[in-house]
Amino acid sequence: MWPTGSSALYAEAAGLWTQVAALLAAAGRTGDATRLSEAGTVLRELARVEHEAMRALSALGRTGLR
């Protein structure tokens, strides 16, 4: 079993990566720099989520799987 909440965090991160990919694709198709700015905003949130998820996983080294 994963530490409490870590699987939800990774699911959230997957969704955010999908958003980033869509925004970058849209920027490439349209040349709209606003999409790049939006992707940057999502990437900042993604960094926060992934950092939190990694902290949850690091708890495995201290407590082990239960």
PDB file of N, CA and C in Angstrom:
ATOM      1  N   MET A   1       0.843  -1.181   0.000  1.00  0.00           N
ATOM      2  CA  MET A   1       0.000   0.000   0.000  1.00  0.00           C
ATOM      3  C   MET A   1       0.886   1.242   0.000  1.00  0.00           C
ATOM      4  N   TRP A   2       0.504   2.234  -0.782  1.00  0.00           N
ATOM      5  CA  TRP A   2       1.221   3.510  -0.825  1.00  0.00           C
ATOM      6  C   TRP A   2       0.909   4.298   0.434  1.00  0.00           C
ATOM      7  N   PRO A   3       1.812   5.203   0.805  1.00  0.00           N
ATOM      8  CA  PRO A   3       1.513   6.089   1.934  1.00  0.00           C
ATOM      9  C   PRO A   3       0.233   6.868   1.649  1.00  0.00           C
ATOM     10  N   THR A   4      -0.459   7.208   2.692  1.00  0.00           N
ATOM     11  CA  THR A   4      -1.740   7.895   2.565  1.00  0.00           C
ATOM     12  C   THR A   4      -1.621   9.110   1.653  1.00  0.00           C
ATOM     13  N   GLY A   5      -2.448   9.136   0.632  1.00  0.00           N
ATOM     14  CA  GLY A   5      -2.515  10.289  -0.245  1.00  0.00           C
ATOM     15  C   GLY A   5      -1.529  10.313  -1.390  1.00  0.00           C
ATOM     16  N   SER A   6      -0.470   9.507  -1.355  1.00  0.00           N
ATOM     17  CA  SER A   6       0.528   9.617  -2.417  1.00  0.00           C
ATOM     18  C   SER A   6      -0.015   9.168  -3.763  1.00  0.00           C
ATOM     19  N   SER A   7      -0.854   8.145  -3.797  1.00  0.00           N
ATOM     20  CA  SER A   7      -1.411   7.713  -5.082  1.00  0.00           C
ATOM     21  C   SER A   7      -2.308   8.798  -5.661  1.00  0.00           C
ATOM     22  N   ALA A   8      -3.046   9.496  -4.818  1.00  0.00           N
ATOM     23  CA  ALA A   8      -3.881  10.600  -5.288  1.00  0.00           C
ATOM     24  C   ALA A   8      -3.026  11.737  -5.830  1.00  0.00           C
ATOM     25  N   LEU A   9      -1.889  11.977  -5.190  1.00  0.00           N
ATOM     26  CA  LEU A   9      -0.990  13.033  -5.664  1.00  0.00           C
ATOM     27  C   LEU A   9      -0.416  12.692  -7.035  1.00  0.00           C
ATOM     28  N   TYR A  10      -0.037  11.429  -7.231  1.00  0.00           N
ATOM     29  CA  TYR A  10       0.495  11.040  -8.539  1.00  0.00           C
ATOM     30  C   TYR A  10      -0.589  11.075  -9.607  1.00  0.00           C
ATOM     31  N   ALA A  11      -1.820  10.748  -9.256  1.00  0.00           N
ATOM     32  CA  ALA A  11      -2.932  10.874 -10.201  1.00  0.00           C
ATOM     33  C   ALA A  11      -3.145  12.340 -10.571  1.00  0.00           C
ATOM     34  N   GLU A  12      -3.043  13.212  -9.582  1.00  0.00           N
ATOM     35  CA  GLU A  12      -3.172  14.651  -9.849  1.00  0.00           C
ATOM     36  C   GLU A  12      -2.048  15.117 -10.768  1.00  0.00           C
ATOM     37  N   ALA A  13      -0.841  14.661 -10.489  1.00  0.00           N
ATOM     38  CA  ALA A  13       0.303  15.052 -11.323  1.00  0.00           C
ATOM     39  C   ALA A  13       0.114  14.590 -12.762  1.00  0.00           C
ATOM     40  N   ALA A  14      -0.407  13.389 -12.949  1.00  0.00           N
ATOM     41  CA  ALA A  14      -0.635  12.883 -14.306  1.00  0.00           C
ATOM     42  C   ALA A  14      -1.601  13.798 -15.062  1.00  0.00           C
ATOM     43  N   GLY A  15      -2.652  14.223 -14.380  1.00  0.00           N
ATOM     44  CA  GLY A  15      -3.588  15.137 -15.017  1.00  0.00           C
ATOM     45  C   GLY A  15      -2.962  16.476 -15.369  1.00  0.00           C
ATOM     46  N   LEU A  16      -2.094  16.948 -14.487  1.00  0.00           N
ATOM     47  CA  LEU A  16      -1.414  18.222 -14.752  1.00  0.00           C
ATOM     48  C   LEU A  16      -0.461  18.102 -15.934  1.00  0.00           C
ATOM     49  N   TRP A  17       0.241  16.959 -16.041  1.00  0.00           N
ATOM     50  CA  TRP A  17       1.122  16.748 -17.200  1.00  0.00           C
ATOM     51  C   TRP A  17       0.308  16.741 -18.490  1.00  0.00           C
ATOM     52  N   THR A  18      -0.882  16.166 -18.441  1.00  0.00           N
ATOM     53  CA  THR A  18      -1.751  16.157 -19.620  1.00  0.00           C
ATOM     54  C   THR A  18      -2.134  17.580 -20.004  1.00  0.00           C
ATOM     55  N   GLN A  19      -2.431  18.407 -19.018  1.00  0.00           N
ATOM     56  CA  GLN A  19      -2.750  19.816 -19.284  1.00  0.00           C
ATOM     57  C   GLN A  19      -1.565  20.533 -19.917  1.00  0.00           C
ATOM     58  N   VAL A  20      -0.373  20.301 -19.371  1.00  0.00           N
ATOM     59  CA  VAL A  20       0.829  20.947 -19.904  1.00  0.00           C
ATOM     60  C   VAL A  20       1.032  20.546 -21.361  1.00  0.00           C
ATOM     61  N   ALA A  21       0.903  19.259 -21.645  1.00  0.00           N
ATOM     62  CA  ALA A  21       1.088  18.789 -23.023  1.00  0.00           C
ATOM     63  C   ALA A  21       0.085  19.438 -23.969  1.00  0.00           C
ATOM     64  N   ALA A  22      -1.163  19.539 -23.536  1.00  0.00           N
ATOM     65  CA  ALA A  22      -2.183  20.162 -24.378  1.00  0.00           C
ATOM     66  C   ALA A  22      -1.896  21.646 -24.608  1.00  0.00           C
ATOM     67  N   LEU A  23      -1.462  22.336 -23.568  1.00  0.00           N
ATOM     68  CA  LEU A  23      -1.144  23.760 -23.706  1.00  0.00           C
ATOM     69  C   LEU A  23       0.049  23.979 -24.625  1.00  0.00           C
ATOM     70  N   LEU A  24       1.066  23.134 -24.513  1.00  0.00           N
ATOM     71  CA  LEU A  24       2.231  23.264 -25.387  1.00  0.00           C
ATOM     72  C   LEU A  24       1.867  22.942 -26.835  1.00  0.00           C
ATOM     73  N   ALA A  25       1.033  21.938 -27.028  1.00  0.00           N
ATOM     74  CA  ALA A  25       0.586  21.605 -28.388  1.00  0.00           C
ATOM     75  C   ALA A  25      -0.204  22.762 -28.983  1.00  0.00           C
ATOM     76  N   ALA A  26      -1.081  23.365 -28.177  1.00  0.00           N
ATOM     77  CA  ALA A  26      -1.869  24.505 -28.651  1.00  0.00           C
ATOM     78  C   ALA A  26      -0.963  25.685 -28.991  1.00  0.00           C
ATOM     79  N   ALA A  27       0.044  25.914 -28.163  1.00  0.00           N
ATOM     80  CA  ALA A  27       0.987  27.007 -28.441  1.00  0.00           C
ATOM     81  C   ALA A  27       1.718  26.759 -29.754  1.00  0.00           C
ATOM     82  N   GLY A  28       2.093  25.508 -29.987  1.00  0.00           N
ATOM     83  CA  GLY A  28       2.778  25.174 -31.237  1.00  0.00           C
ATOM     84  C   GLY A  28       1.887  25.346 -32.455  1.00  0.00           C
ATOM     85  N   ARG A  29       0.629  24.964 -32.327  1.00  0.00           N
ATOM     86  CA  ARG A  29      -0.301  25.074 -33.454  1.00  0.00           C
ATOM     87  C   ARG A  29      -0.651  26.514 -33.772  1.00  0.00           C
ATOM     88  N   THR A  30      -0.852  27.316 -32.727  1.00  0.00           N
ATOM     89  CA  THR A  30      -1.396  28.658 -32.931  1.00  0.00           C
ATOM     90  C   THR A  30      -0.358  29.770 -32.841  1.00  0.00           C
ATOM     91  N   GLY A  31       0.790  29.470 -32.218  1.00  0.00           N
ATOM     92  CA  GLY A  31       1.779  30.517 -31.985  1.00  0.00           C
ATOM     93  C   GLY A  31       1.375  31.456 -30.858  1.00  0.00           C
ATOM     94  N   ASP A  32       0.380  31.064 -30.077  1.00  0.00           N
ATOM     95  CA  ASP A  32      -0.144  31.896 -28.994  1.00  0.00           C
ATOM     96  C   ASP A  32       0.742  31.754 -27.750  1.00  0.00           C
ATOM     97  N   ALA A  33       1.482  32.807 -27.448  1.00  0.00           N
ATOM     98  CA  ALA A  33       2.391  32.781 -26.296  1.00  0.00           C
ATOM     99  C   ALA A  33       1.637  32.701 -24.975  1.00  0.00           C
ATOM    100  N   THR A  34       0.370  33.077 -24.970  1.00  0.00           N
ATOM    101  CA  THR A  34      -0.425  32.978 -23.750  1.00  0.00           C
ATOM    102  C   THR A  34      -0.488  31.536 -23.275  1.00  0.00           C
ATOM    103  N   ARG A  35      -0.567  30.599 -24.219  1.00  0.00           N
ATOM    104  CA  ARG A  35      -0.604  29.173 -23.866  1.00  0.00           C
ATOM    105  C   ARG A  35       0.683  28.755 -23.157  1.00  0.00           C
ATOM    106  N   LEU A  36       1.815  29.330 -23.553  1.00  0.00           N
ATOM    107  CA  LEU A  36       3.084  29.027 -22.882  1.00  0.00           C
ATOM    108  C   LEU A  36       3.071  29.544 -21.447  1.00  0.00           C
ATOM    109  N   SER A  37       2.509  30.716 -21.266  1.00  0.00           N
ATOM    110  CA  SER A  37       2.396  31.272 -19.919  1.00  0.00           C
ATOM    111  C   SER A  37       1.495  30.394 -19.053  1.00  0.00           C
ATOM    112  N   GLU A  38       0.398  29.940 -19.627  1.00  0.00           N
ATOM    113  CA  GLU A  38      -0.511  29.056 -18.897  1.00  0.00           C
ATOM    114  C   GLU A  38       0.190  27.739 -18.550  1.00  0.00           C
ATOM    115  N   ALA A  39       0.979  27.217 -19.472  1.00  0.00           N
ATOM    116  CA  ALA A  39       1.725  25.984 -19.209  1.00  0.00           C
ATOM    117  C   ALA A  39       2.707  26.196 -18.060  1.00  0.00           C
ATOM    118  N   GLY A  40       3.332  27.358 -18.000  1.00  0.00           N
ATOM    119  CA  GLY A  40       4.247  27.675 -16.905  1.00  0.00           C
ATOM    120  C   GLY A  40       3.542  27.687 -15.561  1.00  0.00           C
ATOM    121  N   THR A  41       2.330  28.222 -15.548  1.00  0.00           N
ATOM    122  CA  THR A  41       1.543  28.243 -14.315  1.00  0.00           C
ATOM    123  C   THR A  41       1.222  26.822 -13.866  1.00  0.00           C
ATOM    124  N   VAL A  42       0.820  25.984 -14.807  1.00  0.00           N
ATOM    125  CA  VAL A  42       0.501  24.589 -14.479  1.00  0.00           C
ATOM    126  C   VAL A  42       1.760  23.859 -14.020  1.00  0.00           C
ATOM    127  N   LEU A  43       2.894  24.144 -14.653  1.00  0.00           N
ATOM    128  CA  LEU A  43       4.152  23.492 -14.256  1.00  0.00           C
ATOM    129  C   LEU A  43       4.558  23.851 -12.833  1.00  0.00           C
ATOM    130  N   ARG A  44       4.301  25.072 -12.424  1.00  0.00           N
ATOM    131  CA  ARG A  44       4.599  25.446 -11.031  1.00  0.00           C
ATOM    132  C   ARG A  44       3.740  24.642 -10.059  1.00  0.00           C
ATOM    133  N   GLU A  45       2.474  24.472 -10.374  1.00  0.00           N
ATOM    134  CA  GLU A  45       1.595  23.657  -9.540  1.00  0.00           C
ATOM    135  C   GLU A  45       2.038  22.191  -9.570  1.00  0.00           C
ATOM    136  N   LEU A  46       2.435  21.740 -10.729  1.00  0.00           N
ATOM    137  CA  LEU A  46       2.919  20.369 -10.873  1.00  0.00           C
ATOM    138  C   LEU A  46       4.152  20.125 -10.016  1.00  0.00           C
ATOM    139  N   ALA A  47       5.055  21.071  -9.977  1.00  0.00           N
ATOM    140  CA  ALA A  47       6.254  20.941  -9.142  1.00  0.00           C
ATOM    141  C   ALA A  47       5.871  20.808  -7.677  1.00  0.00           C
ATOM    142  N   ARG A  48       4.891  21.578  -7.244  1.00  0.00           N
ATOM    143  CA  ARG A  48       4.430  21.494  -5.857  1.00  0.00           C
ATOM    144  C   ARG A  48       3.842  20.112  -5.564  1.00  0.00           C
ATOM    145  N   VAL A  49       3.002  19.627  -6.465  1.00  0.00           N
ATOM    146  CA  VAL A  49       2.351  18.326  -6.269  1.00  0.00           C
ATOM    147  C   VAL A  49       3.388  17.207  -6.261  1.00  0.00           C
ATOM    148  N   GLU A  50       4.317  17.233  -7.215  1.00  0.00           N
ATOM    149  CA  GLU A  50       5.317  16.172  -7.278  1.00  0.00           C
ATOM    150  C   GLU A  50       6.254  16.217  -6.070  1.00  0.00           C
ATOM    151  N   HIS A  51       6.570  17.400  -5.597  1.00  0.00           N
ATOM    152  CA  HIS A  51       7.404  17.517  -4.399  1.00  0.00           C
ATOM    153  C   HIS A  51       6.694  16.889  -3.206  1.00  0.00           C
ATOM    154  N   GLU A  52       5.427  17.193  -3.061  1.00  0.00           N
ATOM    155  CA  GLU A  52       4.645  16.624  -1.961  1.00  0.00           C
ATOM    156  C   GLU A  52       4.554  15.094  -2.084  1.00  0.00           C
ATOM    157  N   ALA A  53       4.372  14.605  -3.305  1.00  0.00           N
ATOM    158  CA  ALA A  53       4.296  13.156  -3.521  1.00  0.00           C
ATOM    159  C   ALA A  53       5.622  12.477  -3.190  1.00  0.00           C
ATOM    160  N   MET A  54       6.726  13.098  -3.560  1.00  0.00           N
ATOM    161  CA  MET A  54       8.037  12.521  -3.250  1.00  0.00           C
ATOM    162  C   MET A  54       8.286  12.518  -1.746  1.00  0.00           C
ATOM    163  N   ARG A  55       7.828  13.534  -1.057  1.00  0.00           N
ATOM    164  CA  ARG A  55       7.958  13.540   0.406  1.00  0.00           C
ATOM    165  C   ARG A  55       7.177  12.385   1.006  1.00  0.00           C
ATOM    166  N   ALA A  56       5.990  12.118   0.473  1.00  0.00           N
ATOM    167  CA  ALA A  56       5.190  10.992   0.967  1.00  0.00           C
ATOM    168  C   ALA A  56       5.907   9.675   0.713  1.00  0.00           C
ATOM    169  N   LEU A  57       6.509   9.541  -0.464  1.00  0.00           N
ATOM    170  CA  LEU A  57       7.237   8.306  -0.773  1.00  0.00           C
ATOM    171  C   LEU A  57       8.498   8.158   0.068  1.00  0.00           C
ATOM    172  N   SER A  58       9.137   9.266   0.377  1.00  0.00           N
ATOM    173  CA  SER A  58      10.353   9.172   1.198  1.00  0.00           C
ATOM    174  C   SER A  58      10.045   8.633   2.579  1.00  0.00           C
ATOM    175  N   ALA A  59       8.799   8.781   3.003  1.00  0.00           N
ATOM    176  CA  ALA A  59       8.397   8.229   4.291  1.00  0.00           C
ATOM    177  C   ALA A  59       8.508   6.707   4.284  1.00  0.00           C
ATOM    178  N   LEU A  60       8.461   6.094   3.116  1.00  0.00           N
ATOM    179  CA  LEU A  60       8.613   4.648   3.022  1.00  0.00           C
ATOM    180  C   LEU A  60       9.973   4.196   3.556  1.00  0.00           C
ATOM    181  N   GLY A  61      10.992   4.976   3.277  1.00  0.00           N
ATOM    182  CA  GLY A  61      12.334   4.641   3.747  1.00  0.00           C
ATOM    183  C   GLY A  61      12.446   4.697   5.261  1.00  0.00           C
ATOM    184  N   ARG A  62      11.618   5.528   5.858  1.00  0.00           N
ATOM    185  CA  ARG A  62      11.669   5.674   7.314  1.00  0.00           C
ATOM    186  C   ARG A  62      10.722   4.703   8.021  1.00  0.00           C
ATOM    187  N   THR A  63       9.581   4.423   7.394  1.00  0.00           N
ATOM    188  CA  THR A  63       8.587   3.607   8.084  1.00  0.00           C
ATOM    189  C   THR A  63       8.336   2.264   7.423  1.00  0.00           C
ATOM    190  N   GLY A  64       8.677   2.131   6.156  1.00  0.00           N
ATOM    191  CA  GLY A  64       8.414   0.892   5.431  1.00  0.00           C
ATOM    192  C   GLY A  64       6.955   0.786   5.030  1.00  0.00           C
ATOM    193  N   LEU A  65       6.700  -0.165   4.137  1.00  0.00           N
ATOM    194  CA  LEU A  65       5.321  -0.409   3.702  1.00  0.00           C
ATOM    195  C   LEU A  65       4.553  -1.127   4.780  1.00  0.00           C
ATOM    196  N   ARG A  66       3.318  -0.751   4.937  1.00  0.00           N
ATOM    197  CA  ARG A  66       2.460  -1.427   5.926  1.00  0.00           C
ATOM    198  C   ARG A  66       1.205  -1.892   5.261  1.00  0.00           C
TER     199      ARG A  66
END
